[in-house]
C-alpha atoms as a PDB file:
ATOM      1  CA  MET A   1      57.551  17.800 205.598  1.00  0.00           C
ATOM      2  CA  ARG A   2      58.284  21.505 206.053  1.00  0.00           C
ATOM      3  CA  ALA A   3      61.739  20.728 207.435  1.00  0.00           C
ATOM      4  CA  ALA A   4      62.481  18.385 204.557  1.00  0.00           C
ATOM      5  CA  ALA A   5      61.577  21.078 202.052  1.00  0.00           C
ATOM      6  CA  GLN A   6      63.656  23.700 203.826  1.00  0.00           C
ATOM      7  CA  GLY A   7      66.652  21.387 203.952  1.00  0.00           C
ATOM      8  CA  ALA A   8      66.523  20.353 200.312  1.00  0.00           C
ATOM      9  CA  LYS A   9      69.565  21.304 198.286  1.00  0.00           C
ATOM     10  CA  LYS A  10      69.082  23.765 195.477  1.00  0.00           C
ATOM     11  CA  SER A  11      69.621  22.654 191.930  1.00  0.00           C
ATOM     12  CA  PRO A  12      72.437  24.545 190.189  1.00  0.00           C
ATOM     13  CA  HIS A  13      69.699  25.785 187.838  1.00  0.00           C
ATOM     14  CA  SER A  14      67.298  26.781 190.628  1.00  0.00           C
ATOM     15  CA  CYS A  15      66.045  30.356 190.761  1.00  0.00           C
ATOM     16  CA  GLY A  16      66.076  30.203 194.554  1.00  0.00           C
ATOM     17  CA  LEU A  17      62.287  30.285 194.986  1.00  0.00           C
ATOM     18  CA  PHE A  18      61.677  26.570 194.557  1.00  0.00           C
ATOM     19  CA  PRO A  19      63.886  23.630 195.588  1.00  0.00           C
ATOM     20  CA  ALA A  20      64.999  21.227 192.876  1.00  0.00           C
ATOM     21  CA  GLY A  21      62.173  18.965 191.769  1.00  0.00           C
ATOM     22  CA  LEU A  22      59.485  21.279 193.157  1.00  0.00           C
ATOM     23  CA  TRP A  23      59.264  23.784 190.278  1.00  0.00           C
ATOM     24  CA  PRO A  24      55.774  24.630 188.972  1.00  0.00           C
ATOM     25  CA  LEU A  25      55.079  22.860 185.678  1.00  0.00           C
ATOM     26  CA  GLY A  26      54.528  26.138 183.819  1.00  0.00           C
ATOM     27  CA  THR A  27      57.922  27.449 184.947  1.00  0.00           C
ATOM     28  CA  VAL A  28      59.707  24.345 183.676  1.00  0.00           C
ATOM     29  CA  ARG A  29      57.934  24.582 180.337  1.00  0.00           C
ATOM     30  CA  ALA A  30      58.883  28.238 179.975  1.00  0.00           C
ATOM     31  CA  LEU A  31      62.573  27.371 180.213  1.00  0.00           C
ATOM     32  CA  PHE A  32      62.359  25.151 177.151  1.00  0.00           C
ATOM     33  CA  VAL A  33      59.966  27.138 174.964  1.00  0.00           C
ATOM     34  CA  GLU A  34      61.737  29.552 172.653  1.00  0.00           C
ATOM     35  CA  LYS A  35      60.479  33.104 172.467  1.00  0.00           C
ATOM     36  CA  LYS A  36      58.012  33.759 169.655  1.00  0.00           C
ATOM     37  CA  PHE A  37      58.744  36.871 167.619  1.00  0.00           C
ATOM     38  CA  HIS A  38      56.050  38.837 165.816  1.00  0.00           C
ATOM     39  CA  LEU A  39      56.522  40.695 162.527  1.00  0.00           C
ATOM     40  CA  HIS A  40      53.785  42.958 161.195  1.00  0.00           C
ATOM     41  CA  LEU A  41      53.808  43.680 157.450  1.00  0.00           C
ATOM     42  CA  VAL A  42      51.673  46.644 156.402  1.00  0.00           C
ATOM     43  CA  SER A  43      51.218  47.346 152.682  1.00  0.00           C
ATOM     44  CA  ASP A  44      48.891  49.492 150.602  1.00  0.00           C
ATOM     45  CA  SER A  45      49.092  46.988 147.728  1.00  0.00           C
ATOM     46  CA  THR A  46      49.137  43.184 147.529  1.00  0.00           C
ATOM     47  CA  GLY A  47      52.041  42.862 149.966  1.00  0.00           C
ATOM     48  CA  GLU A  48      54.103  40.701 147.607  1.00  0.00           C
ATOM     49  CA  THR A  49      57.116  43.027 147.640  1.00  0.00           C
ATOM     50  CA  LEU A  50      57.096  43.328 151.412  1.00  0.00           C
ATOM     51  CA  ASN A  51      56.632  39.608 152.027  1.00  0.00           C
ATOM     52  CA  ALA A  52      59.415  38.738 149.587  1.00  0.00           C
ATOM     53  CA  MET A  53      61.902  41.171 151.137  1.00  0.00           C
ATOM     54  CA  VAL A  54      61.161  40.148 154.714  1.00  0.00           C
ATOM     55  CA  GLY A  55      61.136  36.473 153.746  1.00  0.00           C
ATOM     56  CA  ALA A  56      64.572  36.803 152.158  1.00  0.00           C
ATOM     57  CA  ALA A  57      65.928  38.482 155.294  1.00  0.00           C
ATOM     58  CA  LEU A  58      64.344  35.906 157.635  1.00  0.00           C
ATOM     59  CA  ALA A  59      65.945  33.066 155.679  1.00  0.00           C
ATOM     60  CA  GLN A  60      69.288  34.129 157.144  1.00  0.00           C
ATOM     61  CA  PHE A  61      68.179  33.341 160.703  1.00  0.00           C
ATOM     62  CA  GLU A  62      67.813  29.753 161.850  1.00  0.00           C
ATOM     63  CA  ASN A  63      66.004  28.173 164.798  1.00  0.00           C
ATOM     64  CA  VAL A  64      63.712  31.086 165.554  1.00  0.00           C
ATOM     65  CA  GLU A  65      59.936  31.023 165.754  1.00  0.00           C
ATOM     66  CA  VAL A  66      58.471  33.976 163.907  1.00  0.00           C
ATOM     67  CA  GLN A  67      54.797  34.700 163.386  1.00  0.00           C
ATOM     68  CA  ILE A  68      54.075  36.973 160.448  1.00  0.00           C
ATOM     69  CA  HIS A  69      50.977  39.159 160.466  1.00  0.00           C
ATOM     70  CA  SER A  70      50.199  40.570 157.000  1.00  0.00           C
ATOM     71  CA  TYR A  71      47.936  43.528 156.354  1.00  0.00           C
ATOM     72  CA  ALA A  72      47.443  44.145 152.610  1.00  0.00           C
ATOM     73  CA  LEU A  73      45.528  46.836 150.734  1.00  0.00           C
ATOM     74  CA  VAL A  74      45.775  49.293 153.653  1.00  0.00           C
ATOM     75  CA  ARG A  75      44.620  52.495 151.972  1.00  0.00           C
ATOM     76  CA  SER A  76      42.632  54.383 154.598  1.00  0.00           C
ATOM     77  CA  GLU A  77      43.214  55.634 158.123  1.00  0.00           C
ATOM     78  CA  HIS A  78      40.549  53.235 159.390  1.00  0.00           C
ATOM     79  CA  GLN A  79      42.314  50.239 157.809  1.00  0.00           C
ATOM     80  CA  LEU A  80      45.642  51.436 159.187  1.00  0.00           C
ATOM     81  CA  SER A  81      44.216  51.824 162.691  1.00  0.00           C
ATOM     82  CA  ARG A  82      42.802  48.302 162.609  1.00  0.00           C
ATOM     83  CA  ALA A  83      46.166  46.887 161.523  1.00  0.00           C
ATOM     84  CA  LEU A  84      48.085  48.722 164.243  1.00  0.00           C
ATOM     85  CA  ASP A  85      45.487  47.814 166.873  1.00  0.00           C
ATOM     86  CA  GLN A  86      46.255  44.185 166.083  1.00  0.00           C
ATOM     87  CA  ALA A  87      49.992  44.886 166.164  1.00  0.00           C
ATOM     88  CA  ALA A  88      49.583  46.339 169.658  1.00  0.00           C
ATOM     89  CA  THR A  89      48.219  43.001 170.918  1.00  0.00           C
ATOM     90  CA  ALA A  90      51.339  41.142 169.694  1.00  0.00           C
ATOM     91  CA  PRO A  91      54.232  43.631 169.891  1.00  0.00           C
ATOM     92  CA  GLY A  92      57.075  43.200 167.457  1.00  0.00           C
ATOM     93  CA  LEU A  93      58.678  44.826 164.426  1.00  0.00           C
ATOM     94  CA  VAL A  94      56.530  46.664 161.896  1.00  0.00           C
ATOM     95  CA  PHE A  95      57.688  46.655 158.266  1.00  0.00           C
ATOM     96  CA  PHE A  96      55.692  48.765 155.837  1.00  0.00           C
ATOM     97  CA  THR A  97      55.338  50.091 152.302  1.00  0.00           C
ATOM     98  CA  LEU A  98      52.853  52.956 152.098  1.00  0.00           C
ATOM     99  CA  ALA A  99      52.902  55.340 149.149  1.00  0.00           C
ATOM    100  CA  SER A 100      50.646  57.878 150.900  1.00  0.00           C
ATOM    101  CA  LYS A 101      52.665  60.396 152.896  1.00  0.00           C
ATOM    102  CA  THR A 102      49.728  60.897 155.256  1.00  0.00           C
ATOM    103  CA  LEU A 103      49.362  57.201 156.063  1.00  0.00           C
ATOM    104  CA  ASN A 104      53.129  56.867 156.271  1.00  0.00           C
ATOM    105  CA  GLN A 105      53.360  59.589 158.899  1.00  0.00           C
ATOM    106  CA  ARG A 106      50.345  58.253 160.830  1.00  0.00           C
ATOM    107  CA  LEU A 107      51.909  54.791 160.985  1.00  0.00           C
ATOM    108  CA  VAL A 108      55.252  56.122 162.207  1.00  0.00           C
ATOM    109  CA  GLN A 109      53.600  58.256 164.908  1.00  0.00           C
ATOM    110  CA  ARG A 110      51.353  55.418 166.086  1.00  0.00           C
ATOM    111  CA  CYS A 111      54.367  53.082 166.296  1.00  0.00           C
ATOM    112  CA  VAL A 112      56.174  55.690 168.405  1.00  0.00           C
ATOM    113  CA  ASP A 113      53.145  55.848 170.722  1.00  0.00           C
ATOM    114  CA  LEU A 114      53.053  52.049 170.961  1.00  0.00           C
ATOM    115  CA  LYS A 115      56.841  51.844 171.385  1.00  0.00           C
ATOM    116  CA  LEU A 116      57.127  49.614 168.317  1.00  0.00           C
ATOM    117  CA  ASP A 117      60.093  49.798 165.951  1.00  0.00           C
ATOM    118  CA  CYS A 118      58.991  50.381 162.355  1.00  0.00           C
ATOM    119  CA  ILE A 119      60.909  50.168 159.076  1.00  0.00           C
ATOM    120  CA  ASP A 120      59.921  51.708 155.740  1.00  0.00           C
ATOM    121  CA  VAL A 121      61.568  49.132 153.460  1.00  0.00           C
ATOM    122  CA  LEU A 122      61.384  51.261 150.300  1.00  0.00           C
ATOM    123  CA  GLU A 123      62.411  54.619 151.762  1.00  0.00           C
ATOM    124  CA  ARG A 124      66.134  54.407 151.030  1.00  0.00           C
ATOM    125  CA  PRO A 125      65.778  52.748 147.586  1.00  0.00           C
ATOM    126  CA  LEU A 126      63.298  55.463 146.569  1.00  0.00           C
ATOM    127  CA  ASN A 127      65.553  58.244 147.812  1.00  0.00           C
ATOM    128  CA  VAL A 128      68.596  56.858 146.018  1.00  0.00           C
ATOM    129  CA  LEU A 129      66.642  56.241 142.797  1.00  0.00           C
ATOM    130  CA  GLY A 130      65.148  59.716 142.918  1.00  0.00           C
ATOM    131  CA  LYS A 131      68.586  61.306 143.122  1.00  0.00           C
ATOM    132  CA  PHE A 132      69.984  59.028 140.420  1.00  0.00           C
ATOM    133  CA  LEU A 133      67.083  59.589 137.997  1.00  0.00           C
ATOM    134  CA  GLY A 134      66.556  63.232 138.860  1.00  0.00           C
ATOM    135  CA  LYS A 135      62.863  62.537 139.386  1.00  0.00           C
ATOM    136  CA  VAL A 136      60.346  62.822 142.209  1.00  0.00           C
ATOM    137  CA  GLU A 137      58.334  59.726 143.144  1.00  0.00           C
ATOM    138  CA  SER A 138      54.647  59.733 142.179  1.00  0.00           C
ATOM    139  CA  HIS A 139      53.283  58.274 145.456  1.00  0.00           C
ATOM    140  CA  LYS A 140      50.788  56.223 143.431  1.00  0.00           C
ATOM    141  CA  VAL A 141      49.700  52.928 144.984  1.00  0.00           C
ATOM    142  CA  GLY A 142      50.377  49.530 143.389  1.00  0.00           C
ATOM    143  CA  ARG A 143      51.771  50.792 140.105  1.00  0.00           C
ATOM    144  CA  GLN A 144      53.742  47.558 139.617  1.00  0.00           C
ATOM    145  CA  HIS A 145      50.410  45.706 139.471  1.00  0.00           C
ATOM    146  CA  GLN A 146      48.747  47.854 136.805  1.00  0.00           C
ATOM    147  CA  VAL A 147      47.230  46.109 133.789  1.00  0.00           C
ATOM    148  CA  ASP A 148      49.666  47.571 131.278  1.00  0.00           C
ATOM    149  CA  GLN A 149      51.429  46.074 128.259  1.00  0.00           C
ATOM    150  CA  ARG A 150      54.064  44.388 130.415  1.00  0.00           C
ATOM    151  CA  TYR A 151      51.316  42.683 132.414  1.00  0.00           C
ATOM    152  CA  LEU A 152      49.571  41.536 129.234  1.00  0.00           C
ATOM    153  CA  ASP A 153      52.888  40.219 127.915  1.00  0.00           C
ATOM    154  CA  ARG A 154      53.323  38.099 131.045  1.00  0.00           C
ATOM    155  CA  ILE A 155      49.844  36.656 130.576  1.00  0.00           C
ATOM    156  CA  GLU A 156      50.762  35.802 126.981  1.00  0.00           C
ATOM    157  CA  THR A 157      53.971  34.043 128.065  1.00  0.00           C
ATOM    158  CA  LEU A 158      51.989  32.077 130.651  1.00  0.00           C
ATOM    159  CA  ASN A 159      49.517  30.987 127.974  1.00  0.00           C
ATOM    160  CA  PHE A 160      52.461  29.942 125.807  1.00  0.00           C
ATOM    161  CA  ALA A 161      53.947  27.817 128.624  1.00  0.00           C
ATOM    162  CA  ILE A 162      50.632  26.060 129.181  1.00  0.00           C
ATOM    163  CA  ALA A 163      50.100  25.435 125.462  1.00  0.00           C
ATOM    164  CA  HIS A 164      53.618  24.000 125.075  1.00  0.00           C
ATOM    165  CA  ASP A 165      53.763  21.993 128.282  1.00  0.00           C
ATOM    166  CA  ASP A 166      54.944  18.373 128.334  1.00  0.00           C
ATOM    167  CA  GLY A 167      55.744  18.168 124.633  1.00  0.00           C
ATOM    168  CA  GLN A 168      52.459  19.609 123.377  1.00  0.00           C
ATOM    169  CA  ALA A 169      52.296  21.676 120.175  1.00  0.00           C
ATOM    170  CA  LEU A 170      55.857  20.795 119.134  1.00  0.00           C
ATOM    171  CA  ASP A 171      55.422  22.699 115.899  1.00  0.00           C
ATOM    172  CA  GLY A 172      55.281  25.903 117.944  1.00  0.00           C
ATOM    173  CA  ILE A 173      58.359  25.494 120.137  1.00  0.00           C
ATOM    174  CA  ALA A 174      60.396  27.344 117.509  1.00  0.00           C
ATOM    175  CA  ASN A 175      58.826  30.485 119.024  1.00  0.00           C
ATOM    176  CA  ALA A 176      60.166  29.731 122.500  1.00  0.00           C
ATOM    177  CA  GLU A 177      63.047  31.618 124.095  1.00  0.00           C
ATOM    178  CA  VAL A 178      63.873  28.635 126.304  1.00  0.00           C
ATOM    179  CA  ILE A 179      63.098  24.937 126.017  1.00  0.00           C
ATOM    180  CA  LEU A 180      63.528  22.732 129.072  1.00  0.00           C
ATOM    181  CA  THR A 181      63.983  19.018 128.554  1.00  0.00           C
ATOM    182  CA  GLY A 182      64.702  16.001 130.708  1.00  0.00           C
ATOM    183  CA  ALA A 183      63.223  12.830 132.149  1.00  0.00           C
ATOM    184  CA  SER A 184      59.805  12.726 133.766  1.00  0.00           C
ATOM    185  CA  ARG A 185      59.498  14.519 137.141  1.00  0.00           C
ATOM    186  CA  THR A 186      62.507  16.793 136.786  1.00  0.00           C
ATOM    187  CA  SER A 187      60.505  19.989 137.570  1.00  0.00           C
ATOM    188  CA  LYS A 188      60.189  21.091 133.941  1.00  0.00           C
ATOM    189  CA  THR A 189      56.576  22.282 134.143  1.00  0.00           C
ATOM    190  CA  PRO A 190      56.746  24.384 137.349  1.00  0.00           C
ATOM    191  CA  THR A 191      60.016  25.932 136.191  1.00  0.00           C
ATOM    192  CA  CYS A 192      58.413  26.916 132.877  1.00  0.00           C
ATOM    193  CA  VAL A 193      55.462  28.473 134.684  1.00  0.00           C
ATOM    194  CA  TYR A 194      57.798  30.450 136.952  1.00  0.00           C
ATOM    195  CA  LEU A 195      59.799  31.610 133.937  1.00  0.00           C
ATOM    196  CA  ALA A 196      56.583  32.680 132.233  1.00  0.00           C
ATOM    197  CA  ILE A 197      55.611  34.787 135.239  1.00  0.00           C
ATOM    198  CA  ARG A 198      59.021  36.436 134.906  1.00  0.00           C
ATOM    199  CA  GLY A 199      58.237  37.198 131.263  1.00  0.00           C
ATOM    200  CA  VAL A 200      60.221  34.387 129.592  1.00  0.00           C
ATOM    201  CA  ARG A 201      58.562  32.416 126.778  1.00  0.00           C
ATOM    202  CA  ALA A 202      59.323  28.821 127.824  1.00  0.00           C
ATOM    203  CA  ALA A 203      58.319  25.359 126.606  1.00  0.00           C
ATOM    204  CA  ASN A 204      59.226  21.919 127.887  1.00  0.00           C
ATOM    205  CA  VAL A 205      59.706  18.571 126.179  1.00  0.00           C
ATOM    206  CA  PRO A 206      59.973  15.267 128.101  1.00  0.00           C
ATOM    207  CA  LEU A 207      62.488  12.597 127.181  1.00  0.00           C
ATOM    208  CA  VAL A 208      60.904   9.133 127.164  1.00  0.00           C
ATOM    209  CA  PRO A 209      63.041   6.005 127.713  1.00  0.00           C
ATOM    210  CA  GLY A 210      63.438   3.918 124.559  1.00  0.00           C
ATOM    211  CA  MET A 211      62.243   6.717 122.276  1.00  0.00           C
ATOM    212  CA  GLN A 212      64.205   9.173 120.167  1.00  0.00           C
ATOM    213  CA  ALA A 213      64.135  12.819 121.122  1.00  0.00           C
ATOM    214  CA  PRO A 214      61.576  14.726 118.995  1.00  0.00           C
ATOM    215  CA  PRO A 215      63.131  16.209 115.811  1.00  0.00           C
ATOM    216  CA  ALA A 216      61.626  19.598 116.676  1.00  0.00           C
ATOM    217  CA  LEU A 217      63.637  19.609 119.900  1.00  0.00           C
ATOM    218  CA  LEU A 218      66.879  18.599 118.195  1.00  0.00           C
ATOM    219  CA  ALA A 219      66.423  21.285 115.547  1.00  0.00           C
ATOM    220  CA  ALA A 220      65.412  24.065 117.941  1.00  0.00           C
ATOM    221  CA  GLN A 221      67.324  27.332 117.705  1.00  0.00           C
ATOM    222  CA  ALA A 222      66.175  28.470 121.148  1.00  0.00           C
ATOM    223  CA  LEU A 223      68.196  27.940 124.297  1.00  0.00           C
ATOM    224  CA  VAL A 224      67.697  24.286 125.248  1.00  0.00           C
ATOM    225  CA  VAL A 225      68.489  23.402 128.858  1.00  0.00           C
ATOM    226  CA  GLY A 226      68.693  19.833 130.136  1.00  0.00           C
ATOM    227  CA  LEU A 227      67.387  19.171 133.647  1.00  0.00           C
ATOM    228  CA  TRP A 228      68.393  16.075 135.570  1.00  0.00           C
ATOM    229  CA  VAL A 229      67.960  14.608 139.057  1.00  0.00           C
ATOM    230  CA  SER A 230      70.008  12.014 140.925  1.00  0.00           C
ATOM    231  CA  PRO A 231      68.476   8.538 140.402  1.00  0.00           C
ATOM    232  CA  ASP A 232      67.785   7.972 144.113  1.00  0.00           C
ATOM    233  CA  ARG A 233      65.972  11.278 144.427  1.00  0.00           C
ATOM    234  CA  LEU A 234      64.087  10.766 141.161  1.00  0.00           C
ATOM    235  CA  VAL A 235      62.790   7.370 142.310  1.00  0.00           C
ATOM    236  CA  GLN A 236      61.609   8.957 145.555  1.00  0.00           C
ATOM    237  CA  VAL A 237      59.797  11.769 143.724  1.00  0.00           C
ATOM    238  CA  ARG A 238      58.165   9.338 141.315  1.00  0.00           C
ATOM    239  CA  ARG A 239      57.032   7.007 144.098  1.00  0.00           C
ATOM    240  CA  ASN A 240      55.446   9.941 145.898  1.00  0.00           C
ATOM    241  CA  ARG A 241      53.706  10.926 142.705  1.00  0.00           C
ATOM    242  CA  LEU A 242      52.369   7.414 142.120  1.00  0.00           C
ATOM    243  CA  SER A 243      51.174   7.080 145.715  1.00  0.00           C
ATOM    244  CA  THR A 244      49.052  10.227 145.348  1.00  0.00           C
ATOM    245  CA  MET A 245      47.437   8.517 142.365  1.00  0.00           C
ATOM    246  CA  GLY A 246      46.799   5.330 144.336  1.00  0.00           C
ATOM    247  CA  GLU A 247      49.346   3.348 142.318  1.00  0.00           C
ATOM    248  CA  THR A 248      51.535   0.966 144.332  1.00  0.00           C
ATOM    249  CA  ARG A 249      52.885  -1.444 141.693  1.00  0.00           C
ATOM    250  CA  ASN A 250      56.603  -1.583 141.041  1.00  0.00           C
ATOM    251  CA  THR A 251      57.406  -0.719 137.443  1.00  0.00           C
ATOM    252  CA  ASP A 252      60.427   0.380 135.420  1.00  0.00           C
ATOM    253  CA  TYR A 253      59.280   3.937 136.162  1.00  0.00           C
ATOM    254  CA  VAL A 254      60.474   3.535 139.765  1.00  0.00           C
ATOM    255  CA  ASP A 255      63.038   0.753 139.391  1.00  0.00           C
ATOM    256  CA  LEU A 256      66.360   2.179 140.566  1.00  0.00           C
ATOM    257  CA  ASP A 257      68.509   0.411 137.958  1.00  0.00           C
ATOM    258  CA  GLN A 258      66.173   1.464 135.156  1.00  0.00           C
ATOM    259  CA  VAL A 259      66.084   5.031 136.420  1.00  0.00           C
ATOM    260  CA  ARG A 260      69.882   5.128 136.610  1.00  0.00           C
ATOM    261  CA  ALA A 261      70.040   4.067 132.958  1.00  0.00           C
ATOM    262  CA  GLU A 262      67.383   6.638 132.050  1.00  0.00           C
ATOM    263  CA  VAL A 263      69.257   9.489 133.752  1.00  0.00           C
ATOM    264  CA  ALA A 264      72.531   8.413 132.137  1.00  0.00           C
ATOM    265  CA  ALA A 265      70.867   8.390 128.703  1.00  0.00           C
ATOM    266  CA  THR A 266      69.432  11.890 129.133  1.00  0.00           C
ATOM    267  CA  LYS A 267      72.795  13.271 130.299  1.00  0.00           C
ATOM    268  CA  ALA A 268      74.507  11.642 127.309  1.00  0.00           C
ATOM    269  CA  LEU A 269      72.009  13.346 124.976  1.00  0.00           C
ATOM    270  CA  PHE A 270      72.615  16.706 126.638  1.00  0.00           C
ATOM    271  CA  GLU A 271      76.353  16.325 126.160  1.00  0.00           C
ATOM    272  CA  ASN A 272      76.052  15.183 122.534  1.00  0.00           C
ATOM    273  CA  GLN A 273      73.855  18.174 121.709  1.00  0.00           C
ATOM    274  CA  GLY A 274      76.018  20.634 123.615  1.00  0.00           C
ATOM    275  CA  TRP A 275      73.093  21.739 125.767  1.00  0.00           C
ATOM    276  CA  PRO A 276      73.789  23.322 129.155  1.00  0.00           C
ATOM    277  CA  THR A 277      72.522  21.225 132.044  1.00  0.00           C
ATOM    278  CA  ILE A 278      71.245  21.872 135.558  1.00  0.00           C
ATOM    279  CA  ASP A 279      71.258  19.379 138.408  1.00  0.00           C
ATOM    280  CA  VAL A 280      67.915  20.104 140.094  1.00  0.00           C
ATOM    281  CA  THR A 281      68.255  17.402 142.759  1.00  0.00           C
ATOM    282  CA  ARG A 282      68.320  19.885 145.643  1.00  0.00           C
ATOM    283  CA  ARG A 283      67.322  23.071 143.864  1.00  0.00           C
ATOM    284  CA  SER A 284      64.128  25.004 144.383  1.00  0.00           C
ATOM    285  CA  ILE A 285      62.060  26.026 141.362  1.00  0.00           C
ATOM    286  CA  GLU A 286      63.149  29.631 141.898  1.00  0.00           C
ATOM    287  CA  GLU A 287      66.845  28.691 141.891  1.00  0.00           C
ATOM    288  CA  THR A 288      66.474  26.597 138.745  1.00  0.00           C
ATOM    289  CA  ALA A 289      64.613  29.402 136.981  1.00  0.00           C
ATOM    290  CA  ALA A 290      67.240  31.941 138.056  1.00  0.00           C
ATOM    291  CA  THR A 291      69.984  29.738 136.582  1.00  0.00           C
ATOM    292  CA  VAL A 292      68.038  29.420 133.320  1.00  0.00           C
ATOM    293  CA  MET A 293      67.609  33.196 133.153  1.00  0.00           C
ATOM    294  CA  ASN A 294      71.347  33.661 133.679  1.00  0.00           C
ATOM    295  CA  LEU A 295      72.030  31.259 130.808  1.00  0.00           C
ATOM    296  CA  LEU A 296      69.569  33.172 128.636  1.00  0.00           C
ATOM    297  CA  SER A 297      71.228  36.490 129.487  1.00  0.00           C
ATOM    298  CA  GLU A 298      74.652  35.088 128.607  1.00  0.00           C
ATOM    299  CA  ARG A 299      73.314  33.787 125.311  1.00  0.00           C
ATOM    300  CA  LYS A 300      71.830  37.159 124.415  1.00  0.00           C
ATOM    301  CA  ALA A 301      75.053  38.948 125.373  1.00  0.00           C
ATOM    302  CA  GLU A 302      77.035  36.669 123.043  1.00  0.00           C
ATOM    303  CA  ALA A 303      74.636  37.146 120.117  1.00  0.00           C
END
């Protein structure tokens, strides 16, 4: 047996320690398991800014396994030490936003000691803004989350979106900045909610097959945007919706020919009314909302 093992030919992928076919199972697995990368996000506020920035950057890299460790509301040396102790157990990059100079310096020094790269994601923007504005930063924590008038205005726009969702309170849509319309399940409601969070007063009105569009919609002076989805995709979305409700019957609501006619009718209405349209078939809510906001900006610039 020993002679057979010694005489075995090496695989072209052999490391030289084990003949082909005699590799330990763990070694074989290791060759096919991609490296896991760790990112540590340290923030003295809610962490939304940091998560959004890192998430946008990560979206540019495909086929990598990244584990994100978030540490929010880090406002004391004890909290910072706990966060970095955890980072030391899973070494990786440390991204941070800390308004306190003391905590900022402590984090940088601790990362040097741990041999971890760290990035202050707001350092350069703050420096450039300070020079441009001729001001010195306040170093106050979480100022973008203060309950000020802008925050209260966003709450009001969110209440407006809820009150004018799915064709409710049509007599009040004249107060909307944007009205979204389209067939059922074309992402009107979530887009309105997202717009409201961004401070846009939005309402939505569904178009029902076989029924005339509401007069209040046709007479609206606000920006009206028509949303539509490809028939195949719309049927899929509707079937998924019905299945969550325990409904399995086939109806016109999910009949492909009927849905094709429904989509064609809504697009014809959009064209007749001169409303801008958005194909949301493969768009995220954020992308649809961004397009609506661009349309609103163009409208205001032309006014």
